[in-house]
Amino acid sequence: MNYIYGLNAVTEAIKARGRAFQWVGLAKERHDLRLQRIIEECRKLGVPVRFLQRTELDRMAGNAAHQGVVAVTSAKQYSGLDDVVESKRGTYSLIVVLDGVEDPHNLGAILRTADAA
């Protein structure tokens, strides 16, 4: 089981639809518009929602920084390099592969250069 926690992280993972959600846990005592939106998205996708005590969410997330939202998901499925290259065969595409980039300024420069190519 993989856990994703925090309002933005869970919301974006739901939008991306790149993994299977087993269920989403929400803090019982929290009632606001952002949580309501997560509940609505879960219902659209058929993802069960459970209302839990904060202590249970703390345990699942491994800390208290979950903002009242923890999702239980499958592992993210990534495409292999061969699959990516094969899917782009015959089209004008640019594939940029990076490893170990630590300076965000370097990443920005690489992205601008790739965009201009």
Foldseek 3Di string as FASTA:
>chain_A
DDKDFALVRLVVCLVVVQWAWQAKEFEQPDDDDSVVVSVVSCVVVVHHYHHDHQVVVCVNVVHNRRNGMMIDIDDGDDDDPVVVCVVCPPHDDDDDDDDDDDDVVVVVVVVVVRVVD
